[in-house]
Amino acid sequence: ISRDNAKNTVYLQMNSLKPEDTAV
């Protein structure tokens, strides 16, 4: 998780995704 306050944005970088990560 990271944030760029200048852009009012938070990011979630997700790697090595698994089927159990399926969700909203």
PDBML (XML) file of the C-alpha atoms, coordinates in Angstrom:
<?xml version="1.0" encoding="UTF-8" ?>
<PDBx:datablock datablockName="MODEL"
   xmlns:PDBx="http://pdbml.pdb.org/schema/pdbx-v50.xsd"
   xmlns:xsi="http://www.w3.org/2001/XMLSchema-instance"
   xsi:schemaLocation="http://pdbml.pdb.org/schema/pdbx-v50.xsd pdbx-v50.xsd">
   <PDBx:atom_siteCategory>
      <PDBx:atom_site id="1">
         <PDBx:B_iso_or_equiv>0.00</PDBx:B_iso_or_equiv>
         <PDBx:Cartn_x>0.000</PDBx:Cartn_x>
         <PDBx:Cartn_y>0.000</PDBx:Cartn_y>
         <PDBx:Cartn_z>0.000</PDBx:Cartn_z>
         <PDBx:auth_asym_id>A</PDBx:auth_asym_id>
         <PDBx:auth_atom_id>CA</PDBx:auth_atom_id>
         <PDBx:auth_comp_id>ILE</PDBx:auth_comp_id>
         <PDBx:auth_seq_id>1</PDBx:auth_seq_id>
         <PDBx:group_PDB>ATOM</PDBx:group_PDB>
         <PDBx:label_alt_id xsi:nil="true" />
         <PDBx:label_asym_id>A</PDBx:label_asym_id>
         <PDBx:label_atom_id>CA</PDBx:label_atom_id>
         <PDBx:label_comp_id>ILE</PDBx:label_comp_id>
         <PDBx:label_entity_id>1</PDBx:label_entity_id>
         <PDBx:label_seq_id>1</PDBx:label_seq_id>
         <PDBx:occupancy>1.00</PDBx:occupancy>
         <PDBx:pdbx_PDB_model_num>1</PDBx:pdbx_PDB_model_num>
         <PDBx:type_symbol>C</PDBx:type_symbol>
      </PDBx:atom_site>
      <PDBx:atom_site id="2">
         <PDBx:B_iso_or_equiv>0.00</PDBx:B_iso_or_equiv>
         <PDBx:Cartn_x>1.271</PDBx:Cartn_x>
         <PDBx:Cartn_y>3.471</PDBx:Cartn_y>
         <PDBx:Cartn_z>-0.816</PDBx:Cartn_z>
         <PDBx:auth_asym_id>A</PDBx:auth_asym_id>
         <PDBx:auth_atom_id>CA</PDBx:auth_atom_id>
         <PDBx:auth_comp_id>SER</PDBx:auth_comp_id>
         <PDBx:auth_seq_id>2</PDBx:auth_seq_id>
         <PDBx:group_PDB>ATOM</PDBx:group_PDB>
         <PDBx:label_alt_id xsi:nil="true" />
         <PDBx:label_asym_id>A</PDBx:label_asym_id>
         <PDBx:label_atom_id>CA</PDBx:label_atom_id>
         <PDBx:label_comp_id>SER</PDBx:label_comp_id>
         <PDBx:label_entity_id>1</PDBx:label_entity_id>
         <PDBx:label_seq_id>2</PDBx:label_seq_id>
         <PDBx:occupancy>1.00</PDBx:occupancy>
         <PDBx:pdbx_PDB_model_num>1</PDBx:pdbx_PDB_model_num>
         <PDBx:type_symbol>C</PDBx:type_symbol>
      </PDBx:atom_site>
      <PDBx:atom_site id="3">
         <PDBx:B_iso_or_equiv>0.00</PDBx:B_iso_or_equiv>
         <PDBx:Cartn_x>-0.055</PDBx:Cartn_x>
         <PDBx:Cartn_y>6.989</PDBx:Cartn_y>
         <PDBx:Cartn_z>-1.165</PDBx:Cartn_z>
         <PDBx:auth_asym_id>A</PDBx:auth_asym_id>
         <PDBx:auth_atom_id>CA</PDBx:auth_atom_id>
         <PDBx:auth_comp_id>ARG</PDBx:auth_comp_id>
         <PDBx:auth_seq_id>3</PDBx:auth_seq_id>
         <PDBx:group_PDB>ATOM</PDBx:group_PDB>
         <PDBx:label_alt_id xsi:nil="true" />
         <PDBx:label_asym_id>A</PDBx:label_asym_id>
         <PDBx:label_atom_id>CA</PDBx:label_atom_id>
         <PDBx:label_comp_id>ARG</PDBx:label_comp_id>
         <PDBx:label_entity_id>1</PDBx:label_entity_id>
         <PDBx:label_seq_id>3</PDBx:label_seq_id>
         <PDBx:occupancy>1.00</PDBx:occupancy>
         <PDBx:pdbx_PDB_model_num>1</PDBx:pdbx_PDB_model_num>
         <PDBx:type_symbol>C</PDBx:type_symbol>
      </PDBx:atom_site>
      <PDBx:atom_site id="4">
         <PDBx:B_iso_or_equiv>0.00</PDBx:B_iso_or_equiv>
         <PDBx:Cartn_x>0.521</PDBx:Cartn_x>
         <PDBx:Cartn_y>10.095</PDBx:Cartn_y>
         <PDBx:Cartn_z>-3.229</PDBx:Cartn_z>
         <PDBx:auth_asym_id>A</PDBx:auth_asym_id>
         <PDBx:auth_atom_id>CA</PDBx:auth_atom_id>
         <PDBx:auth_comp_id>ASP</PDBx:auth_comp_id>
         <PDBx:auth_seq_id>4</PDBx:auth_seq_id>
         <PDBx:group_PDB>ATOM</PDBx:group_PDB>
         <PDBx:label_alt_id xsi:nil="true" />
         <PDBx:label_asym_id>A</PDBx:label_asym_id>
         <PDBx:label_atom_id>CA</PDBx:label_atom_id>
         <PDBx:label_comp_id>ASP</PDBx:label_comp_id>
         <PDBx:label_entity_id>1</PDBx:label_entity_id>
         <PDBx:label_seq_id>4</PDBx:label_seq_id>
         <PDBx:occupancy>1.00</PDBx:occupancy>
         <PDBx:pdbx_PDB_model_num>1</PDBx:pdbx_PDB_model_num>
         <PDBx:type_symbol>C</PDBx:type_symbol>
      </PDBx:atom_site>
      <PDBx:atom_site id="5">
         <PDBx:B_iso_or_equiv>0.00</PDBx:B_iso_or_equiv>
         <PDBx:Cartn_x>-0.983</PDBx:Cartn_x>
         <PDBx:Cartn_y>12.981</PDBx:Cartn_y>
         <PDBx:Cartn_z>-1.281</PDBx:Cartn_z>
         <PDBx:auth_asym_id>A</PDBx:auth_asym_id>
         <PDBx:auth_atom_id>CA</PDBx:auth_atom_id>
         <PDBx:auth_comp_id>ASN</PDBx:auth_comp_id>
         <PDBx:auth_seq_id>5</PDBx:auth_seq_id>
         <PDBx:group_PDB>ATOM</PDBx:group_PDB>
         <PDBx:label_alt_id xsi:nil="true" />
         <PDBx:label_asym_id>A</PDBx:label_asym_id>
         <PDBx:label_atom_id>CA</PDBx:label_atom_id>
         <PDBx:label_comp_id>ASN</PDBx:label_comp_id>
         <PDBx:label_entity_id>1</PDBx:label_entity_id>
         <PDBx:label_seq_id>5</PDBx:label_seq_id>
         <PDBx:occupancy>1.00</PDBx:occupancy>
         <PDBx:pdbx_PDB_model_num>1</PDBx:pdbx_PDB_model_num>
         <PDBx:type_symbol>C</PDBx:type_symbol>
      </PDBx:atom_site>
      <PDBx:atom_site id="6">
         <PDBx:B_iso_or_equiv>0.00</PDBx:B_iso_or_equiv>
         <PDBx:Cartn_x>-0.419</PDBx:Cartn_x>
         <PDBx:Cartn_y>15.392</PDBx:Cartn_y>
         <PDBx:Cartn_z>-4.150</PDBx:Cartn_z>
         <PDBx:auth_asym_id>A</PDBx:auth_asym_id>
         <PDBx:auth_atom_id>CA</PDBx:auth_atom_id>
         <PDBx:auth_comp_id>ALA</PDBx:auth_comp_id>
         <PDBx:auth_seq_id>6</PDBx:auth_seq_id>
         <PDBx:group_PDB>ATOM</PDBx:group_PDB>
         <PDBx:label_alt_id xsi:nil="true" />
         <PDBx:label_asym_id>A</PDBx:label_asym_id>
         <PDBx:label_atom_id>CA</PDBx:label_atom_id>
         <PDBx:label_comp_id>ALA</PDBx:label_comp_id>
         <PDBx:label_entity_id>1</PDBx:label_entity_id>
         <PDBx:label_seq_id>6</PDBx:label_seq_id>
         <PDBx:occupancy>1.00</PDBx:occupancy>
         <PDBx:pdbx_PDB_model_num>1</PDBx:pdbx_PDB_model_num>
         <PDBx:type_symbol>C</PDBx:type_symbol>
      </PDBx:atom_site>
      <PDBx:atom_site id="7">
         <PDBx:B_iso_or_equiv>0.00</PDBx:B_iso_or_equiv>
         <PDBx:Cartn_x>-2.768</PDBx:Cartn_x>
         <PDBx:Cartn_y>13.260</PDBx:Cartn_y>
         <PDBx:Cartn_z>-6.239</PDBx:Cartn_z>
         <PDBx:auth_asym_id>A</PDBx:auth_asym_id>
         <PDBx:auth_atom_id>CA</PDBx:auth_atom_id>
         <PDBx:auth_comp_id>LYS</PDBx:auth_comp_id>
         <PDBx:auth_seq_id>7</PDBx:auth_seq_id>
         <PDBx:group_PDB>ATOM</PDBx:group_PDB>
         <PDBx:label_alt_id xsi:nil="true" />
         <PDBx:label_asym_id>A</PDBx:label_asym_id>
         <PDBx:label_atom_id>CA</PDBx:label_atom_id>
         <PDBx:label_comp_id>LYS</PDBx:label_comp_id>
         <PDBx:label_entity_id>1</PDBx:label_entity_id>
         <PDBx:label_seq_id>7</PDBx:label_seq_id>
         <PDBx:occupancy>1.00</PDBx:occupancy>
         <PDBx:pdbx_PDB_model_num>1</PDBx:pdbx_PDB_model_num>
         <PDBx:type_symbol>C</PDBx:type_symbol>
      </PDBx:atom_site>
      <PDBx:atom_site id="8">
         <PDBx:B_iso_or_equiv>0.00</PDBx:B_iso_or_equiv>
         <PDBx:Cartn_x>-5.183</PDBx:Cartn_x>
         <PDBx:Cartn_y>12.422</PDBx:Cartn_y>
         <PDBx:Cartn_z>-3.379</PDBx:Cartn_z>
         <PDBx:auth_asym_id>A</PDBx:auth_asym_id>
         <PDBx:auth_atom_id>CA</PDBx:auth_atom_id>
         <PDBx:auth_comp_id>ASN</PDBx:auth_comp_id>
         <PDBx:auth_seq_id>8</PDBx:auth_seq_id>
         <PDBx:group_PDB>ATOM</PDBx:group_PDB>
         <PDBx:label_alt_id xsi:nil="true" />
         <PDBx:label_asym_id>A</PDBx:label_asym_id>
         <PDBx:label_atom_id>CA</PDBx:label_atom_id>
         <PDBx:label_comp_id>ASN</PDBx:label_comp_id>
         <PDBx:label_entity_id>1</PDBx:label_entity_id>
         <PDBx:label_seq_id>8</PDBx:label_seq_id>
         <PDBx:occupancy>1.00</PDBx:occupancy>
         <PDBx:pdbx_PDB_model_num>1</PDBx:pdbx_PDB_model_num>
         <PDBx:type_symbol>C</PDBx:type_symbol>
      </PDBx:atom_site>
      <PDBx:atom_site id="9">
         <PDBx:B_iso_or_equiv>0.00</PDBx:B_iso_or_equiv>
         <PDBx:Cartn_x>-4.602</PDBx:Cartn_x>
         <PDBx:Cartn_y>8.782</PDBx:Cartn_y>
         <PDBx:Cartn_z>-4.263</PDBx:Cartn_z>
         <PDBx:auth_asym_id>A</PDBx:auth_asym_id>
         <PDBx:auth_atom_id>CA</PDBx:auth_atom_id>
         <PDBx:auth_comp_id>THR</PDBx:auth_comp_id>
         <PDBx:auth_seq_id>9</PDBx:auth_seq_id>
         <PDBx:group_PDB>ATOM</PDBx:group_PDB>
         <PDBx:label_alt_id xsi:nil="true" />
         <PDBx:label_asym_id>A</PDBx:label_asym_id>
         <PDBx:label_atom_id>CA</PDBx:label_atom_id>
         <PDBx:label_comp_id>THR</PDBx:label_comp_id>
         <PDBx:label_entity_id>1</PDBx:label_entity_id>
         <PDBx:label_seq_id>9</PDBx:label_seq_id>
         <PDBx:occupancy>1.00</PDBx:occupancy>
         <PDBx:pdbx_PDB_model_num>1</PDBx:pdbx_PDB_model_num>
         <PDBx:type_symbol>C</PDBx:type_symbol>
      </PDBx:atom_site>
      <PDBx:atom_site id="10">
         <PDBx:B_iso_or_equiv>0.00</PDBx:B_iso_or_equiv>
         <PDBx:Cartn_x>-3.782</PDBx:Cartn_x>
         <PDBx:Cartn_y>5.590</PDBx:Cartn_y>
         <PDBx:Cartn_z>-2.408</PDBx:Cartn_z>
         <PDBx:auth_asym_id>A</PDBx:auth_asym_id>
         <PDBx:auth_atom_id>CA</PDBx:auth_atom_id>
         <PDBx:auth_comp_id>VAL</PDBx:auth_comp_id>
         <PDBx:auth_seq_id>10</PDBx:auth_seq_id>
         <PDBx:group_PDB>ATOM</PDBx:group_PDB>
         <PDBx:label_alt_id xsi:nil="true" />
         <PDBx:label_asym_id>A</PDBx:label_asym_id>
         <PDBx:label_atom_id>CA</PDBx:label_atom_id>
         <PDBx:label_comp_id>VAL</PDBx:label_comp_id>
         <PDBx:label_entity_id>1</PDBx:label_entity_id>
         <PDBx:label_seq_id>10</PDBx:label_seq_id>
         <PDBx:occupancy>1.00</PDBx:occupancy>
         <PDBx:pdbx_PDB_model_num>1</PDBx:pdbx_PDB_model_num>
         <PDBx:type_symbol>C</PDBx:type_symbol>
      </PDBx:atom_site>
      <PDBx:atom_site id="11">
         <PDBx:B_iso_or_equiv>0.00</PDBx:B_iso_or_equiv>
         <PDBx:Cartn_x>-2.521</PDBx:Cartn_x>
         <PDBx:Cartn_y>2.560</PDBx:Cartn_y>
         <PDBx:Cartn_z>-4.290</PDBx:Cartn_z>
         <PDBx:auth_asym_id>A</PDBx:auth_asym_id>
         <PDBx:auth_atom_id>CA</PDBx:auth_atom_id>
         <PDBx:auth_comp_id>TYR</PDBx:auth_comp_id>
         <PDBx:auth_seq_id>11</PDBx:auth_seq_id>
         <PDBx:group_PDB>ATOM</PDBx:group_PDB>
         <PDBx:label_alt_id xsi:nil="true" />
         <PDBx:label_asym_id>A</PDBx:label_asym_id>
         <PDBx:label_atom_id>CA</PDBx:label_atom_id>
         <PDBx:label_comp_id>TYR</PDBx:label_comp_id>
         <PDBx:label_entity_id>1</PDBx:label_entity_id>
         <PDBx:label_seq_id>11</PDBx:label_seq_id>
         <PDBx:occupancy>1.00</PDBx:occupancy>
         <PDBx:pdbx_PDB_model_num>1</PDBx:pdbx_PDB_model_num>
         <PDBx:type_symbol>C</PDBx:type_symbol>
      </PDBx:atom_site>
      <PDBx:atom_site id="12">
         <PDBx:B_iso_or_equiv>0.00</PDBx:B_iso_or_equiv>
         <PDBx:Cartn_x>-2.580</PDBx:Cartn_x>
         <PDBx:Cartn_y>-1.154</PDBx:Cartn_y>
         <PDBx:Cartn_z>-3.582</PDBx:Cartn_z>
         <PDBx:auth_asym_id>A</PDBx:auth_asym_id>
         <PDBx:auth_atom_id>CA</PDBx:auth_atom_id>
         <PDBx:auth_comp_id>LEU</PDBx:auth_comp_id>
         <PDBx:auth_seq_id>12</PDBx:auth_seq_id>
         <PDBx:group_PDB>ATOM</PDBx:group_PDB>
         <PDBx:label_alt_id xsi:nil="true" />
         <PDBx:label_asym_id>A</PDBx:label_asym_id>
         <PDBx:label_atom_id>CA</PDBx:label_atom_id>
         <PDBx:label_comp_id>LEU</PDBx:label_comp_id>
         <PDBx:label_entity_id>1</PDBx:label_entity_id>
         <PDBx:label_seq_id>12</PDBx:label_seq_id>
         <PDBx:occupancy>1.00</PDBx:occupancy>
         <PDBx:pdbx_PDB_model_num>1</PDBx:pdbx_PDB_model_num>
         <PDBx:type_symbol>C</PDBx:type_symbol>
      </PDBx:atom_site>
      <PDBx:atom_site id="13">
         <PDBx:B_iso_or_equiv>0.00</PDBx:B_iso_or_equiv>
         <PDBx:Cartn_x>0.027</PDBx:Cartn_x>
         <PDBx:Cartn_y>-3.060</PDBx:Cartn_y>
         <PDBx:Cartn_z>-5.551</PDBx:Cartn_z>
         <PDBx:auth_asym_id>A</PDBx:auth_asym_id>
         <PDBx:auth_atom_id>CA</PDBx:auth_atom_id>
         <PDBx:auth_comp_id>GLN</PDBx:auth_comp_id>
         <PDBx:auth_seq_id>13</PDBx:auth_seq_id>
         <PDBx:group_PDB>ATOM</PDBx:group_PDB>
         <PDBx:label_alt_id xsi:nil="true" />
         <PDBx:label_asym_id>A</PDBx:label_asym_id>
         <PDBx:label_atom_id>CA</PDBx:label_atom_id>
         <PDBx:label_comp_id>GLN</PDBx:label_comp_id>
         <PDBx:label_entity_id>1</PDBx:label_entity_id>
         <PDBx:label_seq_id>13</PDBx:label_seq_id>
         <PDBx:occupancy>1.00</PDBx:occupancy>
         <PDBx:pdbx_PDB_model_num>1</PDBx:pdbx_PDB_model_num>
         <PDBx:type_symbol>C</PDBx:type_symbol>
      </PDBx:atom_site>
      <PDBx:atom_site id="14">
         <PDBx:B_iso_or_equiv>0.00</PDBx:B_iso_or_equiv>
         <PDBx:Cartn_x>-0.905</PDBx:Cartn_x>
         <PDBx:Cartn_y>-6.738</PDBx:Cartn_y>
         <PDBx:Cartn_z>-5.539</PDBx:Cartn_z>
         <PDBx:auth_asym_id>A</PDBx:auth_asym_id>
         <PDBx:auth_atom_id>CA</PDBx:auth_atom_id>
         <PDBx:auth_comp_id>MET</PDBx:auth_comp_id>
         <PDBx:auth_seq_id>14</PDBx:auth_seq_id>
         <PDBx:group_PDB>ATOM</PDBx:group_PDB>
         <PDBx:label_alt_id xsi:nil="true" />
         <PDBx:label_asym_id>A</PDBx:label_asym_id>
         <PDBx:label_atom_id>CA</PDBx:label_atom_id>
         <PDBx:label_comp_id>MET</PDBx:label_comp_id>
         <PDBx:label_entity_id>1</PDBx:label_entity_id>
         <PDBx:label_seq_id>14</PDBx:label_seq_id>
         <PDBx:occupancy>1.00</PDBx:occupancy>
         <PDBx:pdbx_PDB_model_num>1</PDBx:pdbx_PDB_model_num>
         <PDBx:type_symbol>C</PDBx:type_symbol>
      </PDBx:atom_site>
      <PDBx:atom_site id="15">
         <PDBx:B_iso_or_equiv>0.00</PDBx:B_iso_or_equiv>
         <PDBx:Cartn_x>1.590</PDBx:Cartn_x>
         <PDBx:Cartn_y>-9.369</PDBx:Cartn_y>
         <PDBx:Cartn_z>-6.634</PDBx:Cartn_z>
         <PDBx:auth_asym_id>A</PDBx:auth_asym_id>
         <PDBx:auth_atom_id>CA</PDBx:auth_atom_id>
         <PDBx:auth_comp_id>ASN</PDBx:auth_comp_id>
         <PDBx:auth_seq_id>15</PDBx:auth_seq_id>
         <PDBx:group_PDB>ATOM</PDBx:group_PDB>
         <PDBx:label_alt_id xsi:nil="true" />
         <PDBx:label_asym_id>A</PDBx:label_asym_id>
         <PDBx:label_atom_id>CA</PDBx:label_atom_id>
         <PDBx:label_comp_id>ASN</PDBx:label_comp_id>
         <PDBx:label_entity_id>1</PDBx:label_entity_id>
         <PDBx:label_seq_id>15</PDBx:label_seq_id>
         <PDBx:occupancy>1.00</PDBx:occupancy>
         <PDBx:pdbx_PDB_model_num>1</PDBx:pdbx_PDB_model_num>
         <PDBx:type_symbol>C</PDBx:type_symbol>
      </PDBx:atom_site>
      <PDBx:atom_site id="16">
         <PDBx:B_iso_or_equiv>0.00</PDBx:B_iso_or_equiv>
         <PDBx:Cartn_x>1.536</PDBx:Cartn_x>
         <PDBx:Cartn_y>-13.174</PDBx:Cartn_y>
         <PDBx:Cartn_z>-6.691</PDBx:Cartn_z>
         <PDBx:auth_asym_id>A</PDBx:auth_asym_id>
         <PDBx:auth_atom_id>CA</PDBx:auth_atom_id>
         <PDBx:auth_comp_id>SER</PDBx:auth_comp_id>
         <PDBx:auth_seq_id>16</PDBx:auth_seq_id>
         <PDBx:group_PDB>ATOM</PDBx:group_PDB>
         <PDBx:label_alt_id xsi:nil="true" />
         <PDBx:label_asym_id>A</PDBx:label_asym_id>
         <PDBx:label_atom_id>CA</PDBx:label_atom_id>
         <PDBx:label_comp_id>SER</PDBx:label_comp_id>
         <PDBx:label_entity_id>1</PDBx:label_entity_id>
         <PDBx:label_seq_id>16</PDBx:label_seq_id>
         <PDBx:occupancy>1.00</PDBx:occupancy>
         <PDBx:pdbx_PDB_model_num>1</PDBx:pdbx_PDB_model_num>
         <PDBx:type_symbol>C</PDBx:type_symbol>
      </PDBx:atom_site>
      <PDBx:atom_site id="17">
         <PDBx:B_iso_or_equiv>0.00</PDBx:B_iso_or_equiv>
         <PDBx:Cartn_x>-2.233</PDBx:Cartn_x>
         <PDBx:Cartn_y>-13.118</PDBx:Cartn_y>
         <PDBx:Cartn_z>-6.801</PDBx:Cartn_z>
         <PDBx:auth_asym_id>A</PDBx:auth_asym_id>
         <PDBx:auth_atom_id>CA</PDBx:auth_atom_id>
         <PDBx:auth_comp_id>LEU</PDBx:auth_comp_id>
         <PDBx:auth_seq_id>17</PDBx:auth_seq_id>
         <PDBx:group_PDB>ATOM</PDBx:group_PDB>
         <PDBx:label_alt_id xsi:nil="true" />
         <PDBx:label_asym_id>A</PDBx:label_asym_id>
         <PDBx:label_atom_id>CA</PDBx:label_atom_id>
         <PDBx:label_comp_id>LEU</PDBx:label_comp_id>
         <PDBx:label_entity_id>1</PDBx:label_entity_id>
         <PDBx:label_seq_id>17</PDBx:label_seq_id>
         <PDBx:occupancy>1.00</PDBx:occupancy>
         <PDBx:pdbx_PDB_model_num>1</PDBx:pdbx_PDB_model_num>
         <PDBx:type_symbol>C</PDBx:type_symbol>
      </PDBx:atom_site>
      <PDBx:atom_site id="18">
         <PDBx:B_iso_or_equiv>0.00</PDBx:B_iso_or_equiv>
         <PDBx:Cartn_x>-4.137</PDBx:Cartn_x>
         <PDBx:Cartn_y>-16.234</PDBx:Cartn_y>
         <PDBx:Cartn_z>-5.797</PDBx:Cartn_z>
         <PDBx:auth_asym_id>A</PDBx:auth_asym_id>
         <PDBx:auth_atom_id>CA</PDBx:auth_atom_id>
         <PDBx:auth_comp_id>LYS</PDBx:auth_comp_id>
         <PDBx:auth_seq_id>18</PDBx:auth_seq_id>
         <PDBx:group_PDB>ATOM</PDBx:group_PDB>
         <PDBx:label_alt_id xsi:nil="true" />
         <PDBx:label_asym_id>A</PDBx:label_asym_id>
         <PDBx:label_atom_id>CA</PDBx:label_atom_id>
         <PDBx:label_comp_id>LYS</PDBx:label_comp_id>
         <PDBx:label_entity_id>1</PDBx:label_entity_id>
         <PDBx:label_seq_id>18</PDBx:label_seq_id>
         <PDBx:occupancy>1.00</PDBx:occupancy>
         <PDBx:pdbx_PDB_model_num>1</PDBx:pdbx_PDB_model_num>
         <PDBx:type_symbol>C</PDBx:type_symbol>
      </PDBx:atom_site>
      <PDBx:atom_site id="19">
         <PDBx:B_iso_or_equiv>0.00</PDBx:B_iso_or_equiv>
         <PDBx:Cartn_x>-7.690</PDBx:Cartn_x>
         <PDBx:Cartn_y>-17.353</PDBx:Cartn_y>
         <PDBx:Cartn_z>-6.590</PDBx:Cartn_z>
         <PDBx:auth_asym_id>A</PDBx:auth_asym_id>
         <PDBx:auth_atom_id>CA</PDBx:auth_atom_id>
         <PDBx:auth_comp_id>PRO</PDBx:auth_comp_id>
         <PDBx:auth_seq_id>19</PDBx:auth_seq_id>
         <PDBx:group_PDB>ATOM</PDBx:group_PDB>
         <PDBx:label_alt_id xsi:nil="true" />
         <PDBx:label_asym_id>A</PDBx:label_asym_id>
         <PDBx:label_atom_id>CA</PDBx:label_atom_id>
         <PDBx:label_comp_id>PRO</PDBx:label_comp_id>
         <PDBx:label_entity_id>1</PDBx:label_entity_id>
         <PDBx:label_seq_id>19</PDBx:label_seq_id>
         <PDBx:occupancy>1.00</PDBx:occupancy>
         <PDBx:pdbx_PDB_model_num>1</PDBx:pdbx_PDB_model_num>
         <PDBx:type_symbol>C</PDBx:type_symbol>
      </PDBx:atom_site>
      <PDBx:atom_site id="20">
         <PDBx:B_iso_or_equiv>0.00</PDBx:B_iso_or_equiv>
         <PDBx:Cartn_x>-8.582</PDBx:Cartn_x>
         <PDBx:Cartn_y>-16.678</PDBx:Cartn_y>
         <PDBx:Cartn_z>-2.959</PDBx:Cartn_z>
         <PDBx:auth_asym_id>A</PDBx:auth_asym_id>
         <PDBx:auth_atom_id>CA</PDBx:auth_atom_id>
         <PDBx:auth_comp_id>GLU</PDBx:auth_comp_id>
         <PDBx:auth_seq_id>20</PDBx:auth_seq_id>
         <PDBx:group_PDB>ATOM</PDBx:group_PDB>
         <PDBx:label_alt_id xsi:nil="true" />
         <PDBx:label_asym_id>A</PDBx:label_asym_id>
         <PDBx:label_atom_id>CA</PDBx:label_atom_id>
         <PDBx:label_comp_id>GLU</PDBx:label_comp_id>
         <PDBx:label_entity_id>1</PDBx:label_entity_id>
         <PDBx:label_seq_id>20</PDBx:label_seq_id>
         <PDBx:occupancy>1.00</PDBx:occupancy>
         <PDBx:pdbx_PDB_model_num>1</PDBx:pdbx_PDB_model_num>
         <PDBx:type_symbol>C</PDBx:type_symbol>
      </PDBx:atom_site>
      <PDBx:atom_site id="21">
         <PDBx:B_iso_or_equiv>0.00</PDBx:B_iso_or_equiv>
         <PDBx:Cartn_x>-7.779</PDBx:Cartn_x>
         <PDBx:Cartn_y>-12.992</PDBx:Cartn_y>
         <PDBx:Cartn_z>-3.539</PDBx:Cartn_z>
         <PDBx:auth_asym_id>A</PDBx:auth_asym_id>
         <PDBx:auth_atom_id>CA</PDBx:auth_atom_id>
         <PDBx:auth_comp_id>ASP</PDBx:auth_comp_id>
         <PDBx:auth_seq_id>21</PDBx:auth_seq_id>
         <PDBx:group_PDB>ATOM</PDBx:group_PDB>
         <PDBx:label_alt_id xsi:nil="true" />
         <PDBx:label_asym_id>A</PDBx:label_asym_id>
         <PDBx:label_atom_id>CA</PDBx:label_atom_id>
         <PDBx:label_comp_id>ASP</PDBx:label_comp_id>
         <PDBx:label_entity_id>1</PDBx:label_entity_id>
         <PDBx:label_seq_id>21</PDBx:label_seq_id>
         <PDBx:occupancy>1.00</PDBx:occupancy>
         <PDBx:pdbx_PDB_model_num>1</PDBx:pdbx_PDB_model_num>
         <PDBx:type_symbol>C</PDBx:type_symbol>
      </PDBx:atom_site>
      <PDBx:atom_site id="22">
         <PDBx:B_iso_or_equiv>0.00</PDBx:B_iso_or_equiv>
         <PDBx:Cartn_x>-10.885</PDBx:Cartn_x>
         <PDBx:Cartn_y>-12.790</PDBx:Cartn_y>
         <PDBx:Cartn_z>-5.725</PDBx:Cartn_z>
         <PDBx:auth_asym_id>A</PDBx:auth_asym_id>
         <PDBx:auth_atom_id>CA</PDBx:auth_atom_id>
         <PDBx:auth_comp_id>THR</PDBx:auth_comp_id>
         <PDBx:auth_seq_id>22</PDBx:auth_seq_id>
         <PDBx:group_PDB>ATOM</PDBx:group_PDB>
         <PDBx:label_alt_id xsi:nil="true" />
         <PDBx:label_asym_id>A</PDBx:label_asym_id>
         <PDBx:label_atom_id>CA</PDBx:label_atom_id>
         <PDBx:label_comp_id>THR</PDBx:label_comp_id>
         <PDBx:label_entity_id>1</PDBx:label_entity_id>
         <PDBx:label_seq_id>22</PDBx:label_seq_id>
         <PDBx:occupancy>1.00</PDBx:occupancy>
         <PDBx:pdbx_PDB_model_num>1</PDBx:pdbx_PDB_model_num>
         <PDBx:type_symbol>C</PDBx:type_symbol>
      </PDBx:atom_site>
      <PDBx:atom_site id="23">
         <PDBx:B_iso_or_equiv>0.00</PDBx:B_iso_or_equiv>
         <PDBx:Cartn_x>-13.186</PDBx:Cartn_x>
         <PDBx:Cartn_y>-10.178</PDBx:Cartn_y>
         <PDBx:Cartn_z>-4.199</PDBx:Cartn_z>
         <PDBx:auth_asym_id>A</PDBx:auth_asym_id>
         <PDBx:auth_atom_id>CA</PDBx:auth_atom_id>
         <PDBx:auth_comp_id>ALA</PDBx:auth_comp_id>
         <PDBx:auth_seq_id>23</PDBx:auth_seq_id>
         <PDBx:group_PDB>ATOM</PDBx:group_PDB>
         <PDBx:label_alt_id xsi:nil="true" />
         <PDBx:label_asym_id>A</PDBx:label_asym_id>
         <PDBx:label_atom_id>CA</PDBx:label_atom_id>
         <PDBx:label_comp_id>ALA</PDBx:label_comp_id>
         <PDBx:label_entity_id>1</PDBx:label_entity_id>
         <PDBx:label_seq_id>23</PDBx:label_seq_id>
         <PDBx:occupancy>1.00</PDBx:occupancy>
         <PDBx:pdbx_PDB_model_num>1</PDBx:pdbx_PDB_model_num>
         <PDBx:type_symbol>C</PDBx:type_symbol>
      </PDBx:atom_site>
      <PDBx:atom_site id="24">
         <PDBx:B_iso_or_equiv>0.00</PDBx:B_iso_or_equiv>
         <PDBx:Cartn_x>-14.553</PDBx:Cartn_x>
         <PDBx:Cartn_y>-6.696</PDBx:Cartn_y>
         <PDBx:Cartn_z>-4.531</PDBx:Cartn_z>
         <PDBx:auth_asym_id>A</PDBx:auth_asym_id>
         <PDBx:auth_atom_id>CA</PDBx:auth_atom_id>
         <PDBx:auth_comp_id>VAL</PDBx:auth_comp_id>
         <PDBx:auth_seq_id>24</PDBx:auth_seq_id>
         <PDBx:group_PDB>ATOM</PDBx:group_PDB>
         <PDBx:label_alt_id xsi:nil="true" />
         <PDBx:label_asym_id>A</PDBx:label_asym_id>
         <PDBx:label_atom_id>CA</PDBx:label_atom_id>
         <PDBx:label_comp_id>VAL</PDBx:label_comp_id>
         <PDBx:label_entity_id>1</PDBx:label_entity_id>
         <PDBx:label_seq_id>24</PDBx:label_seq_id>
         <PDBx:occupancy>1.00</PDBx:occupancy>
         <PDBx:pdbx_PDB_model_num>1</PDBx:pdbx_PDB_model_num>
         <PDBx:type_symbol>C</PDBx:type_symbol>
      </PDBx:atom_site>
   </PDBx:atom_siteCategory>
</PDBx:datablock>
